[in-house]
């Protein structure tokens, strides 16, 4: 593709980029100022990545870029060219469903659900690098993700349980020994996994951006 010949109707130059998602190349053309968040949500319709503060404060837009948790609202799409991008949708892709989704369900780690995709991605980046994190390390990993519902305790419990399941520890699948697992909390809201229509995202969270 000739970069000089590709422009928007407003005359902005479009830059062809390739993102690698689930190991597959995804090609699109973006302006130099388009964020990775905008490219994911509005070009690729991956609405599981939430648009919250748009200035790097809330963490709702967190994705994993080449194994590192990043804020997609502060990352330009062109910076992700040629790199591996993991979003919350990829955690539930059959046949390999990440246990962290079930753990958030079972322990009650998500309530309104708006912050949950970012929490899941920060936790995923941690567990991919550190299969045996301490509770303090989990807290540090999610420290950039704001939650106004849960008080964080059950989120840490959920990540701890997911780590145990990933390691194949006896009793982990049943949630033995973790607070919250003896109850039956409501399942994660559907907007958590990017399956709810955009117009409903803000309504379910009480926010202004889906």
C-alpha atoms as a PDB file:
ATOM      1  CA  UNK A   1       0.000   0.000   0.000  1.00  0.00           C
ATOM      2  CA  UNK A   2       1.393   3.402  -0.977  1.00  0.00           C
ATOM      3  CA  UNK A   3       1.288   5.565   2.127  1.00  0.00           C
ATOM      4  CA  UNK A   4       1.395   8.784   0.092  1.00  0.00           C
ATOM      5  CA  UNK A   5      -1.813   7.936  -1.762  1.00  0.00           C
ATOM      6  CA  UNK A   6      -4.012   7.002   1.202  1.00  0.00           C
ATOM      7  CA  UNK A   7      -5.870   9.870   2.851  1.00  0.00           C
ATOM      8  CA  UNK A   8      -9.100  10.524   4.721  1.00  0.00           C
ATOM      9  CA  UNK A   9     -11.785  12.794   3.311  1.00  0.00           C
ATOM     10  CA  UNK A  10     -10.333  15.554   5.496  1.00  0.00           C
ATOM     11  CA  UNK A  11      -6.961  15.115   3.829  1.00  0.00           C
ATOM     12  CA  UNK A  12      -5.282  13.317   6.738  1.00  0.00           C
ATOM     13  CA  UNK A  13      -2.784  10.704   5.682  1.00  0.00           C
ATOM     14  CA  UNK A  14      -3.668   7.123   6.579  1.00  0.00           C
ATOM     15  CA  UNK A  15      -0.869   4.824   7.657  1.00  0.00           C
ATOM     16  CA  UNK A  16      -1.225   1.080   7.026  1.00  0.00           C
ATOM     17  CA  UNK A  17      -0.427  -1.017  10.098  1.00  0.00           C
ATOM     18  CA  UNK A  18      -0.612  -4.680  11.031  1.00  0.00           C
ATOM     19  CA  UNK A  19      -1.634  -5.886  14.482  1.00  0.00           C
ATOM     20  CA  UNK A  20      -1.114  -9.504  15.466  1.00  0.00           C
ATOM     21  CA  UNK A  21      -4.121 -10.783  17.388  1.00  0.00           C
ATOM     22  CA  UNK A  22      -4.320 -14.414  18.462  1.00  0.00           C
ATOM     23  CA  UNK A  23      -1.319 -14.923  16.203  1.00  0.00           C
ATOM     24  CA  UNK A  24      -3.176 -13.708  13.124  1.00  0.00           C
ATOM     25  CA  UNK A  25      -2.341 -10.515  11.216  1.00  0.00           C
ATOM     26  CA  UNK A  26      -5.028  -7.829  11.268  1.00  0.00           C
ATOM     27  CA  UNK A  27      -4.429  -5.030   8.779  1.00  0.00           C
ATOM     28  CA  UNK A  28      -5.942  -1.571   8.937  1.00  0.00           C
ATOM     29  CA  UNK A  29      -5.106   2.019   8.056  1.00  0.00           C
ATOM     30  CA  UNK A  30      -5.080   4.736  10.708  1.00  0.00           C
ATOM     31  CA  UNK A  31      -4.191   8.381  11.076  1.00  0.00           C
ATOM     32  CA  UNK A  32      -1.019   9.220  12.974  1.00  0.00           C
ATOM     33  CA  UNK A  33      -3.007  10.488  15.967  1.00  0.00           C
ATOM     34  CA  UNK A  34      -5.441   7.590  16.295  1.00  0.00           C
ATOM     35  CA  UNK A  35      -5.061   5.735  19.570  1.00  0.00           C
ATOM     36  CA  UNK A  36      -4.930   1.987  19.898  1.00  0.00           C
ATOM     37  CA  UNK A  37      -8.149   2.226  21.924  1.00  0.00           C
ATOM     38  CA  UNK A  38      -9.938   3.963  19.052  1.00  0.00           C
ATOM     39  CA  UNK A  39      -8.598   1.482  16.522  1.00  0.00           C
ATOM     40  CA  UNK A  40      -9.741  -1.490  18.594  1.00  0.00           C
ATOM     41  CA  UNK A  41     -13.207  -0.171  19.410  1.00  0.00           C
ATOM     42  CA  UNK A  42     -14.175   1.777  16.315  1.00  0.00           C
ATOM     43  CA  UNK A  43     -12.167   0.173  13.516  1.00  0.00           C
ATOM     44  CA  UNK A  44     -12.187  -3.456  14.694  1.00  0.00           C
ATOM     45  CA  UNK A  45     -15.379  -3.361  16.822  1.00  0.00           C
ATOM     46  CA  UNK A  46     -13.618  -4.937  19.815  1.00  0.00           C
ATOM     47  CA  UNK A  47     -15.751  -3.159  22.385  1.00  0.00           C
ATOM     48  CA  UNK A  48     -14.568  -5.192  25.374  1.00  0.00           C
ATOM     49  CA  UNK A  49     -11.766  -2.641  25.736  1.00  0.00           C
ATOM     50  CA  UNK A  50     -13.541   0.181  27.552  1.00  0.00           C
ATOM     51  CA  UNK A  51     -13.266   3.900  26.904  1.00  0.00           C
ATOM     52  CA  UNK A  52     -13.267   5.645  30.253  1.00  0.00           C
ATOM     53  CA  UNK A  53     -11.192   8.693  31.154  1.00  0.00           C
ATOM     54  CA  UNK A  54      -9.182   8.946  27.897  1.00  0.00           C
ATOM     55  CA  UNK A  55      -6.200  10.271  29.853  1.00  0.00           C
ATOM     56  CA  UNK A  56      -4.610   7.236  31.481  1.00  0.00           C
ATOM     57  CA  UNK A  57      -6.199   7.516  34.917  1.00  0.00           C
ATOM     58  CA  UNK A  58      -8.793   4.721  35.128  1.00  0.00           C
ATOM     59  CA  UNK A  59      -7.192   1.680  33.468  1.00  0.00           C
ATOM     60  CA  UNK A  60     -10.449   0.516  31.856  1.00  0.00           C
ATOM     61  CA  UNK A  61      -8.753   0.520  28.438  1.00  0.00           C
ATOM     62  CA  UNK A  62      -5.872  -1.774  29.448  1.00  0.00           C
ATOM     63  CA  UNK A  63      -4.728  -4.302  26.845  1.00  0.00           C
ATOM     64  CA  UNK A  64      -1.639  -6.507  26.633  1.00  0.00           C
ATOM     65  CA  UNK A  65       0.943  -5.402  24.065  1.00  0.00           C
ATOM     66  CA  UNK A  66       3.850  -7.791  23.505  1.00  0.00           C
ATOM     67  CA  UNK A  67       3.245  -9.241  26.957  1.00  0.00           C
ATOM     68  CA  UNK A  68       3.020  -5.929  28.814  1.00  0.00           C
ATOM     69  CA  UNK A  69      -0.123  -4.287  30.176  1.00  0.00           C
ATOM     70  CA  UNK A  70      -0.541  -0.892  28.500  1.00  0.00           C
ATOM     71  CA  UNK A  71      -3.146   1.850  28.498  1.00  0.00           C
ATOM     72  CA  UNK A  72      -4.572   1.806  24.995  1.00  0.00           C
ATOM     73  CA  UNK A  73      -5.928   5.353  25.341  1.00  0.00           C
ATOM     74  CA  UNK A  74      -2.337   6.618  25.662  1.00  0.00           C
ATOM     75  CA  UNK A  75      -0.842   4.287  23.050  1.00  0.00           C
ATOM     76  CA  UNK A  76      -0.929   5.319  19.412  1.00  0.00           C
ATOM     77  CA  UNK A  77      -2.146   2.666  17.016  1.00  0.00           C
ATOM     78  CA  UNK A  78       0.977   3.134  14.889  1.00  0.00           C
ATOM     79  CA  UNK A  79       3.080   2.198  17.934  1.00  0.00           C
ATOM     80  CA  UNK A  80       1.428  -1.231  17.894  1.00  0.00           C
ATOM     81  CA  UNK A  81       2.347  -1.900  14.260  1.00  0.00           C
ATOM     82  CA  UNK A  82       3.862  -5.361  13.911  1.00  0.00           C
ATOM     83  CA  UNK A  83       3.224  -6.239  17.560  1.00  0.00           C
ATOM     84  CA  UNK A  84       1.060  -8.756  19.403  1.00  0.00           C
ATOM     85  CA  UNK A  85      -2.097  -7.236  20.882  1.00  0.00           C
ATOM     86  CA  UNK A  86      -4.279  -9.162  23.316  1.00  0.00           C
ATOM     87  CA  UNK A  87      -7.727  -7.884  24.301  1.00  0.00           C
ATOM     88  CA  UNK A  88     -10.316  -9.240  26.711  1.00  0.00           C
ATOM     89  CA  UNK A  89     -12.181 -10.961  23.865  1.00  0.00           C
ATOM     90  CA  UNK A  90      -9.226 -13.294  23.417  1.00  0.00           C
ATOM     91  CA  UNK A  91      -9.512 -14.641  26.962  1.00  0.00           C
ATOM     92  CA  UNK A  92     -12.761 -16.382  26.063  1.00  0.00           C
ATOM     93  CA  UNK A  93     -11.753 -17.696  22.655  1.00  0.00           C
ATOM     94  CA  UNK A  94     -12.495 -21.412  22.381  1.00  0.00           C
ATOM     95  CA  UNK A  95     -11.020 -23.906  22.912  1.00  0.00           C
ATOM     96  CA  UNK A  96      -8.687 -22.212  25.406  1.00  0.00           C
ATOM     97  CA  UNK A  97     -10.854 -20.197  27.792  1.00  0.00           C
ATOM     98  CA  UNK A  98      -8.682 -18.487  30.378  1.00  0.00           C
ATOM     99  CA  UNK A  99      -9.564 -19.590  33.935  1.00  0.00           C
ATOM    100  CA  UNK A 100      -9.377 -16.011  35.153  1.00  0.00           C
ATOM    101  CA  UNK A 101     -12.821 -15.350  33.639  1.00  0.00           C
ATOM    102  CA  UNK A 102     -14.423 -18.104  35.689  1.00  0.00           C
ATOM    103  CA  UNK A 103     -12.523 -16.994  38.785  1.00  0.00           C
ATOM    104  CA  UNK A 104     -13.891 -13.452  38.571  1.00  0.00           C
ATOM    105  CA  UNK A 105     -17.368 -14.981  38.221  1.00  0.00           C
ATOM    106  CA  UNK A 106     -17.034 -17.371  41.140  1.00  0.00           C
ATOM    107  CA  UNK A 107     -15.333 -15.044  43.597  1.00  0.00           C
ATOM    108  CA  UNK A 108     -17.419 -11.974  42.744  1.00  0.00           C
ATOM    109  CA  UNK A 109     -14.581  -9.929  41.278  1.00  0.00           C
ATOM    110  CA  UNK A 110     -16.864  -7.910  39.012  1.00  0.00           C
ATOM    111  CA  UNK A 111     -19.970  -5.909  39.873  1.00  0.00           C
ATOM    112  CA  UNK A 112     -20.945  -3.188  37.394  1.00  0.00           C
ATOM    113  CA  UNK A 113     -18.337  -4.708  35.068  1.00  0.00           C
ATOM    114  CA  UNK A 114     -16.989  -1.526  33.507  1.00  0.00           C
ATOM    115  CA  UNK A 115     -13.505  -1.803  35.025  1.00  0.00           C
ATOM    116  CA  UNK A 116     -13.364  -5.590  34.743  1.00  0.00           C
ATOM    117  CA  UNK A 117     -11.869  -5.930  31.222  1.00  0.00           C
ATOM    118  CA  UNK A 118      -8.942  -3.729  32.220  1.00  0.00           C
ATOM    119  CA  UNK A 119      -8.515  -5.645  35.474  1.00  0.00           C
ATOM    120  CA  UNK A 120      -8.530  -8.929  33.560  1.00  0.00           C
ATOM    121  CA  UNK A 121      -5.863  -7.744  31.148  1.00  0.00           C
ATOM    122  CA  UNK A 122      -3.585  -6.370  33.883  1.00  0.00           C
ATOM    123  CA  UNK A 123      -3.950  -9.665  35.734  1.00  0.00           C
ATOM    124  CA  UNK A 124      -3.314 -11.667  32.561  1.00  0.00           C
ATOM    125  CA  UNK A 125      -0.086  -9.789  31.873  1.00  0.00           C
ATOM    126  CA  UNK A 126       1.013 -10.506  35.445  1.00  0.00           C
ATOM    127  CA  UNK A 127       0.176 -14.224  35.402  1.00  0.00           C
ATOM    128  CA  UNK A 128       1.778 -14.755  31.999  1.00  0.00           C
ATOM    129  CA  UNK A 129       5.071 -13.490  33.456  1.00  0.00           C
ATOM    130  CA  UNK A 130       4.725 -14.565  37.073  1.00  0.00           C
ATOM    131  CA  UNK A 131       2.761 -17.785  37.664  1.00  0.00           C
ATOM    132  CA  UNK A 132       3.132 -17.557  41.450  1.00  0.00           C
ATOM    133  CA  UNK A 133       2.464 -13.934  42.444  1.00  0.00           C
ATOM    134  CA  UNK A 134       2.042 -12.832  46.033  1.00  0.00           C
ATOM    135  CA  UNK A 135      -1.043 -10.858  47.013  1.00  0.00           C
ATOM    136  CA  UNK A 136       1.112  -7.739  47.165  1.00  0.00           C
ATOM    137  CA  UNK A 137       2.361  -8.374  43.627  1.00  0.00           C
ATOM    138  CA  UNK A 138      -1.228  -8.767  42.448  1.00  0.00           C
ATOM    139  CA  UNK A 139      -2.138  -5.465  44.093  1.00  0.00           C
ATOM    140  CA  UNK A 140       0.753  -3.727  42.348  1.00  0.00           C
ATOM    141  CA  UNK A 141      -0.251  -5.234  38.985  1.00  0.00           C
ATOM    142  CA  UNK A 142      -3.816  -3.885  39.216  1.00  0.00           C
ATOM    143  CA  UNK A 143      -2.860  -0.610  40.909  1.00  0.00           C
ATOM    144  CA  UNK A 144      -3.491   1.313  37.690  1.00  0.00           C
ATOM    145  CA  UNK A 145      -7.048  -0.014  37.399  1.00  0.00           C
ATOM    146  CA  UNK A 146      -9.710   1.896  39.299  1.00  0.00           C
ATOM    147  CA  UNK A 147     -12.810   0.161  40.681  1.00  0.00           C
ATOM    148  CA  UNK A 148     -15.604   2.000  42.473  1.00  0.00           C
ATOM    149  CA  UNK A 149     -17.655  -1.092  43.382  1.00  0.00           C
ATOM    150  CA  UNK A 150     -15.713  -4.000  44.851  1.00  0.00           C
ATOM    151  CA  UNK A 151     -13.120  -2.623  47.250  1.00  0.00           C
ATOM    152  CA  UNK A 152     -10.512  -4.704  45.347  1.00  0.00           C
ATOM    153  CA  UNK A 153     -10.387  -7.574  47.866  1.00  0.00           C
ATOM    154  CA  UNK A 154     -12.332 -10.038  45.747  1.00  0.00           C
ATOM    155  CA  UNK A 155     -10.450  -8.992  42.628  1.00  0.00           C
ATOM    156  CA  UNK A 156      -7.200  -9.982  44.336  1.00  0.00           C
ATOM    157  CA  UNK A 157      -8.876 -13.228  45.471  1.00  0.00           C
ATOM    158  CA  UNK A 158      -9.919 -13.964  41.878  1.00  0.00           C
ATOM    159  CA  UNK A 159      -6.426 -13.407  40.483  1.00  0.00           C
ATOM    160  CA  UNK A 160      -4.923 -15.533  43.246  1.00  0.00           C
ATOM    161  CA  UNK A 161      -7.366 -18.351  42.466  1.00  0.00           C
ATOM    162  CA  UNK A 162      -6.638 -18.105  38.730  1.00  0.00           C
ATOM    163  CA  UNK A 163      -2.920 -18.405  39.440  1.00  0.00           C
ATOM    164  CA  UNK A 164      -3.528 -21.573  41.456  1.00  0.00           C
ATOM    165  CA  UNK A 165      -5.686 -23.094  38.715  1.00  0.00           C
ATOM    166  CA  UNK A 166      -3.075 -22.266  36.089  1.00  0.00           C
ATOM    167  CA  UNK A 167      -0.479 -24.035  38.235  1.00  0.00           C
ATOM    168  CA  UNK A 168      -2.755 -27.048  38.633  1.00  0.00           C
ATOM    169  CA  UNK A 169      -2.801 -26.922  42.431  1.00  0.00           C
ATOM    170  CA  UNK A 170      -5.026 -29.514  44.143  1.00  0.00           C
ATOM    171  CA  UNK A 171      -8.357 -28.033  45.200  1.00  0.00           C
ATOM    172  CA  UNK A 172      -7.907 -24.877  43.147  1.00  0.00           C
ATOM    173  CA  UNK A 173     -10.653 -25.756  40.658  1.00  0.00           C
ATOM    174  CA  UNK A 174     -13.089 -25.925  43.575  1.00  0.00           C
ATOM    175  CA  UNK A 175     -11.816 -22.663  45.038  1.00  0.00           C
ATOM    176  CA  UNK A 176     -10.780 -24.315  48.289  1.00  0.00           C
ATOM    177  CA  UNK A 177      -9.529 -21.931  50.946  1.00  0.00           C
ATOM    178  CA  UNK A 178     -10.364 -18.647  49.235  1.00  0.00           C
ATOM    179  CA  UNK A 179     -12.880 -16.167  50.652  1.00  0.00           C
ATOM    180  CA  UNK A 180     -15.950 -15.610  48.519  1.00  0.00           C
ATOM    181  CA  UNK A 181     -15.892 -19.005  46.817  1.00  0.00           C
ATOM    182  CA  UNK A 182     -18.413 -20.516  49.198  1.00  0.00           C
ATOM    183  CA  UNK A 183     -21.099 -18.101  47.985  1.00  0.00           C
ATOM    184  CA  UNK A 184     -22.717 -17.779  44.585  1.00  0.00           C
ATOM    185  CA  UNK A 185     -22.100 -14.230  43.323  1.00  0.00           C
ATOM    186  CA  UNK A 186     -23.891 -13.041  40.183  1.00  0.00           C
ATOM    187  CA  UNK A 187     -22.078 -13.723  36.895  1.00  0.00           C
ATOM    188  CA  UNK A 188     -19.963 -11.058  35.233  1.00  0.00           C
ATOM    189  CA  UNK A 189     -22.043  -8.558  33.259  1.00  0.00           C
ATOM    190  CA  UNK A 190     -22.072  -9.326  29.507  1.00  0.00           C
ATOM    191  CA  UNK A 191     -20.360  -6.015  28.679  1.00  0.00           C
ATOM    192  CA  UNK A 192     -17.281  -7.353  30.490  1.00  0.00           C
ATOM    193  CA  UNK A 193     -16.437  -9.678  27.613  1.00  0.00           C
ATOM    194  CA  UNK A 194     -17.173  -7.301  24.759  1.00  0.00           C
ATOM    195  CA  UNK A 195     -20.479  -8.921  23.837  1.00  0.00           C
ATOM    196  CA  UNK A 196     -22.890  -6.140  24.735  1.00  0.00           C
ATOM    197  CA  UNK A 197     -23.913  -3.443  22.213  1.00  0.00           C
ATOM    198  CA  UNK A 198     -21.923  -0.220  22.477  1.00  0.00           C
ATOM    199  CA  UNK A 199     -24.963   1.865  23.375  1.00  0.00           C
ATOM    200  CA  UNK A 200     -25.533  -0.183  26.526  1.00  0.00           C
ATOM    201  CA  UNK A 201     -21.989   0.011  27.901  1.00  0.00           C
ATOM    202  CA  UNK A 202     -22.440   3.403  29.525  1.00  0.00           C
ATOM    203  CA  UNK A 203     -25.909   2.545  30.834  1.00  0.00           C
ATOM    204  CA  UNK A 204     -24.633  -0.529  32.664  1.00  0.00           C
ATOM    205  CA  UNK A 205     -21.703   1.320  34.218  1.00  0.00           C
ATOM    206  CA  UNK A 206     -23.293   4.657  35.002  1.00  0.00           C
ATOM    207  CA  UNK A 207     -20.558   6.260  32.917  1.00  0.00           C
ATOM    208  CA  UNK A 208     -20.590   8.270  29.741  1.00  0.00           C
ATOM    209  CA  UNK A 209     -18.419   6.153  27.465  1.00  0.00           C
ATOM    210  CA  UNK A 210     -18.959   2.517  26.510  1.00  0.00           C
END
